[in-house]
């Protein structure tokens, strides 16, 4: 694939992947063909900052942050237990951005 397209993708999406896995993403993009690249671009990657804001504003207690990133089971658990009496919600304030980036990376690897 064209290195210019890869560089543009990396510039716009680098905040949505774990920093230690950016080289893996870049290598996979360089190795794939153009038709696959358009599929990769069409994936709905979640913005970790938006998910953190939702968690802080009140969606964390209700599990909305976990529903956004696709952790349905943990979202239901947080919804039914009010964030496990606030303990799991407090933990998610610190962990949800990394979990979002990992989920985005898993989506990328499934389609790459």
C-alpha atoms as a PDB file:
ATOM      1  CA  UNK A   1       0.000   0.000   0.000  1.00  0.00           C
ATOM      2  CA  UNK A   2       1.015   3.589  -0.505  1.00  0.00           C
ATOM      3  CA  UNK A   3       3.080   4.941   2.407  1.00  0.00           C
ATOM      4  CA  UNK A   4       1.372   8.322   2.160  1.00  0.00           C
ATOM      5  CA  UNK A   5      -2.063   6.778   2.852  1.00  0.00           C
ATOM      6  CA  UNK A   6      -0.623   4.842   5.768  1.00  0.00           C
ATOM      7  CA  UNK A   7       0.976   7.966   7.230  1.00  0.00           C
ATOM      8  CA  UNK A   8      -2.295   9.886   6.938  1.00  0.00           C
ATOM      9  CA  UNK A   9      -4.205   7.071   8.649  1.00  0.00           C
ATOM     10  CA  UNK A  10      -1.607   6.899  11.419  1.00  0.00           C
ATOM     11  CA  UNK A  11      -1.742  10.657  12.008  1.00  0.00           C
ATOM     12  CA  UNK A  12      -5.515  10.737  12.315  1.00  0.00           C
ATOM     13  CA  UNK A  13      -5.972   7.486  14.250  1.00  0.00           C
ATOM     14  CA  UNK A  14      -2.886   7.196  16.447  1.00  0.00           C
ATOM     15  CA  UNK A  15      -4.760   8.395  19.540  1.00  0.00           C
ATOM     16  CA  UNK A  16      -7.258   5.550  19.172  1.00  0.00           C
ATOM     17  CA  UNK A  17      -4.727   2.714  19.458  1.00  0.00           C
ATOM     18  CA  UNK A  18      -2.351   1.722  22.278  1.00  0.00           C
ATOM     19  CA  UNK A  19       0.971   3.500  21.768  1.00  0.00           C
ATOM     20  CA  UNK A  20       2.969   0.288  22.166  1.00  0.00           C
ATOM     21  CA  UNK A  21       1.065  -1.295  19.255  1.00  0.00           C
ATOM     22  CA  UNK A  22       1.285   1.533  16.724  1.00  0.00           C
ATOM     23  CA  UNK A  23       4.180  -0.108  14.870  1.00  0.00           C
ATOM     24  CA  UNK A  24       2.130  -3.291  14.478  1.00  0.00           C
ATOM     25  CA  UNK A  25      -0.722  -1.244  12.991  1.00  0.00           C
ATOM     26  CA  UNK A  26       1.659   0.530  10.623  1.00  0.00           C
ATOM     27  CA  UNK A  27       3.279  -2.713   9.454  1.00  0.00           C
ATOM     28  CA  UNK A  28      -0.108  -4.341   8.847  1.00  0.00           C
ATOM     29  CA  UNK A  29      -1.279  -1.319   6.852  1.00  0.00           C
ATOM     30  CA  UNK A  30       1.828  -1.288   4.676  1.00  0.00           C
ATOM     31  CA  UNK A  31       1.385  -4.987   3.900  1.00  0.00           C
ATOM     32  CA  UNK A  32      -2.294  -4.871   2.884  1.00  0.00           C
ATOM     33  CA  UNK A  33      -3.836  -3.982  -0.455  1.00  0.00           C
ATOM     34  CA  UNK A  34      -5.983  -0.926  -1.170  1.00  0.00           C
ATOM     35  CA  UNK A  35      -9.352  -2.716  -1.085  1.00  0.00           C
ATOM     36  CA  UNK A  36      -8.667  -3.959   2.439  1.00  0.00           C
ATOM     37  CA  UNK A  37      -7.523  -0.470   3.472  1.00  0.00           C
ATOM     38  CA  UNK A  38     -10.946   1.000   2.686  1.00  0.00           C
ATOM     39  CA  UNK A  39     -12.525  -1.640   4.915  1.00  0.00           C
ATOM     40  CA  UNK A  40     -10.141  -0.718   7.735  1.00  0.00           C
ATOM     41  CA  UNK A  41     -11.013   2.965   7.349  1.00  0.00           C
ATOM     42  CA  UNK A  42     -14.740   2.232   7.551  1.00  0.00           C
ATOM     43  CA  UNK A  43     -14.497   0.624  11.006  1.00  0.00           C
ATOM     44  CA  UNK A  44     -16.154   2.669  13.745  1.00  0.00           C
ATOM     45  CA  UNK A  45     -13.258   3.254  16.140  1.00  0.00           C
ATOM     46  CA  UNK A  46     -14.294   4.736  19.495  1.00  0.00           C
ATOM     47  CA  UNK A  47     -12.548   7.858  20.740  1.00  0.00           C
ATOM     48  CA  UNK A  48     -11.066   7.106  24.187  1.00  0.00           C
ATOM     49  CA  UNK A  49     -11.533  10.702  25.345  1.00  0.00           C
ATOM     50  CA  UNK A  50     -15.249  10.674  24.532  1.00  0.00           C
ATOM     51  CA  UNK A  51     -15.696   7.382  26.385  1.00  0.00           C
ATOM     52  CA  UNK A  52     -13.893   8.840  29.420  1.00  0.00           C
ATOM     53  CA  UNK A  53     -16.120  11.925  29.376  1.00  0.00           C
ATOM     54  CA  UNK A  54     -19.232   9.735  29.222  1.00  0.00           C
ATOM     55  CA  UNK A  55     -17.879   7.748  32.151  1.00  0.00           C
ATOM     56  CA  UNK A  56     -17.170  10.866  34.217  1.00  0.00           C
ATOM     57  CA  UNK A  57     -20.439  12.649  33.449  1.00  0.00           C
ATOM     58  CA  UNK A  58     -22.549   9.883  34.896  1.00  0.00           C
ATOM     59  CA  UNK A  59     -22.659   7.155  32.317  1.00  0.00           C
ATOM     60  CA  UNK A  60     -20.053   5.201  34.253  1.00  0.00           C
ATOM     61  CA  UNK A  61     -22.426   4.344  37.078  1.00  0.00           C
ATOM     62  CA  UNK A  62     -25.016   3.142  34.568  1.00  0.00           C
ATOM     63  CA  UNK A  63     -22.499   1.177  32.490  1.00  0.00           C
ATOM     64  CA  UNK A  64     -22.954   3.297  29.371  1.00  0.00           C
ATOM     65  CA  UNK A  65     -19.189   3.588  28.961  1.00  0.00           C
ATOM     66  CA  UNK A  66     -18.878  -0.188  28.778  1.00  0.00           C
ATOM     67  CA  UNK A  67     -21.793  -0.458  26.353  1.00  0.00           C
ATOM     68  CA  UNK A  68     -20.040   2.070  24.072  1.00  0.00           C
ATOM     69  CA  UNK A  69     -16.907  -0.035  23.757  1.00  0.00           C
ATOM     70  CA  UNK A  70     -18.789  -3.306  23.364  1.00  0.00           C
ATOM     71  CA  UNK A  71     -18.383  -4.836  26.838  1.00  0.00           C
ATOM     72  CA  UNK A  72     -22.057  -5.721  27.134  1.00  0.00           C
ATOM     73  CA  UNK A  73     -21.626  -8.075  30.096  1.00  0.00           C
ATOM     74  CA  UNK A  74     -19.760  -5.539  32.218  1.00  0.00           C
ATOM     75  CA  UNK A  75     -22.203  -2.839  31.146  1.00  0.00           C
ATOM     76  CA  UNK A  76     -25.140  -4.882  32.405  1.00  0.00           C
ATOM     77  CA  UNK A  77     -23.276  -5.637  35.649  1.00  0.00           C
ATOM     78  CA  UNK A  78     -22.599  -1.949  36.249  1.00  0.00           C
ATOM     79  CA  UNK A  79     -26.183  -1.056  35.352  1.00  0.00           C
ATOM     80  CA  UNK A  80     -27.732  -3.550  37.767  1.00  0.00           C
ATOM     81  CA  UNK A  81     -25.349  -2.877  40.669  1.00  0.00           C
ATOM     82  CA  UNK A  82     -24.844   0.892  40.246  1.00  0.00           C
ATOM     83  CA  UNK A  83     -21.238   0.353  39.239  1.00  0.00           C
ATOM     84  CA  UNK A  84     -20.734  -2.285  41.965  1.00  0.00           C
ATOM     85  CA  UNK A  85     -21.589   0.367  44.559  1.00  0.00           C
ATOM     86  CA  UNK A  86     -19.243   2.827  42.885  1.00  0.00           C
ATOM     87  CA  UNK A  87     -16.083   0.722  43.183  1.00  0.00           C
ATOM     88  CA  UNK A  88     -16.036  -0.502  39.577  1.00  0.00           C
ATOM     89  CA  UNK A  89     -16.976   2.974  38.383  1.00  0.00           C
ATOM     90  CA  UNK A  90     -14.004   4.481  40.200  1.00  0.00           C
ATOM     91  CA  UNK A  91     -11.676   1.868  38.705  1.00  0.00           C
ATOM     92  CA  UNK A  92     -13.053   2.569  35.229  1.00  0.00           C
ATOM     93  CA  UNK A  93     -12.226   6.277  35.553  1.00  0.00           C
ATOM     94  CA  UNK A  94      -8.578   5.239  35.347  1.00  0.00           C
ATOM     95  CA  UNK A  95      -8.839   2.216  33.048  1.00  0.00           C
ATOM     96  CA  UNK A  96     -11.513   3.027  30.445  1.00  0.00           C
ATOM     97  CA  UNK A  97      -9.244   4.912  28.014  1.00  0.00           C
ATOM     98  CA  UNK A  98      -6.775   2.014  27.801  1.00  0.00           C
ATOM     99  CA  UNK A  99      -9.616  -0.491  27.438  1.00  0.00           C
ATOM    100  CA  UNK A 100     -11.095   1.566  24.591  1.00  0.00           C
ATOM    101  CA  UNK A 101      -7.743   1.648  22.776  1.00  0.00           C
ATOM    102  CA  UNK A 102      -7.364  -2.124  23.210  1.00  0.00           C
ATOM    103  CA  UNK A 103     -10.874  -2.691  21.834  1.00  0.00           C
ATOM    104  CA  UNK A 104     -10.060  -0.516  18.806  1.00  0.00           C
ATOM    105  CA  UNK A 105      -6.862  -2.489  18.242  1.00  0.00           C
ATOM    106  CA  UNK A 106      -8.779  -5.786  18.408  1.00  0.00           C
ATOM    107  CA  UNK A 107     -11.269  -4.485  15.822  1.00  0.00           C
ATOM    108  CA  UNK A 108      -8.368  -3.512  13.591  1.00  0.00           C
ATOM    109  CA  UNK A 109      -6.645  -6.904  13.920  1.00  0.00           C
ATOM    110  CA  UNK A 110      -9.875  -8.799  13.162  1.00  0.00           C
ATOM    111  CA  UNK A 111     -10.261  -6.920   9.875  1.00  0.00           C
ATOM    112  CA  UNK A 112      -6.587  -6.647   8.882  1.00  0.00           C
END
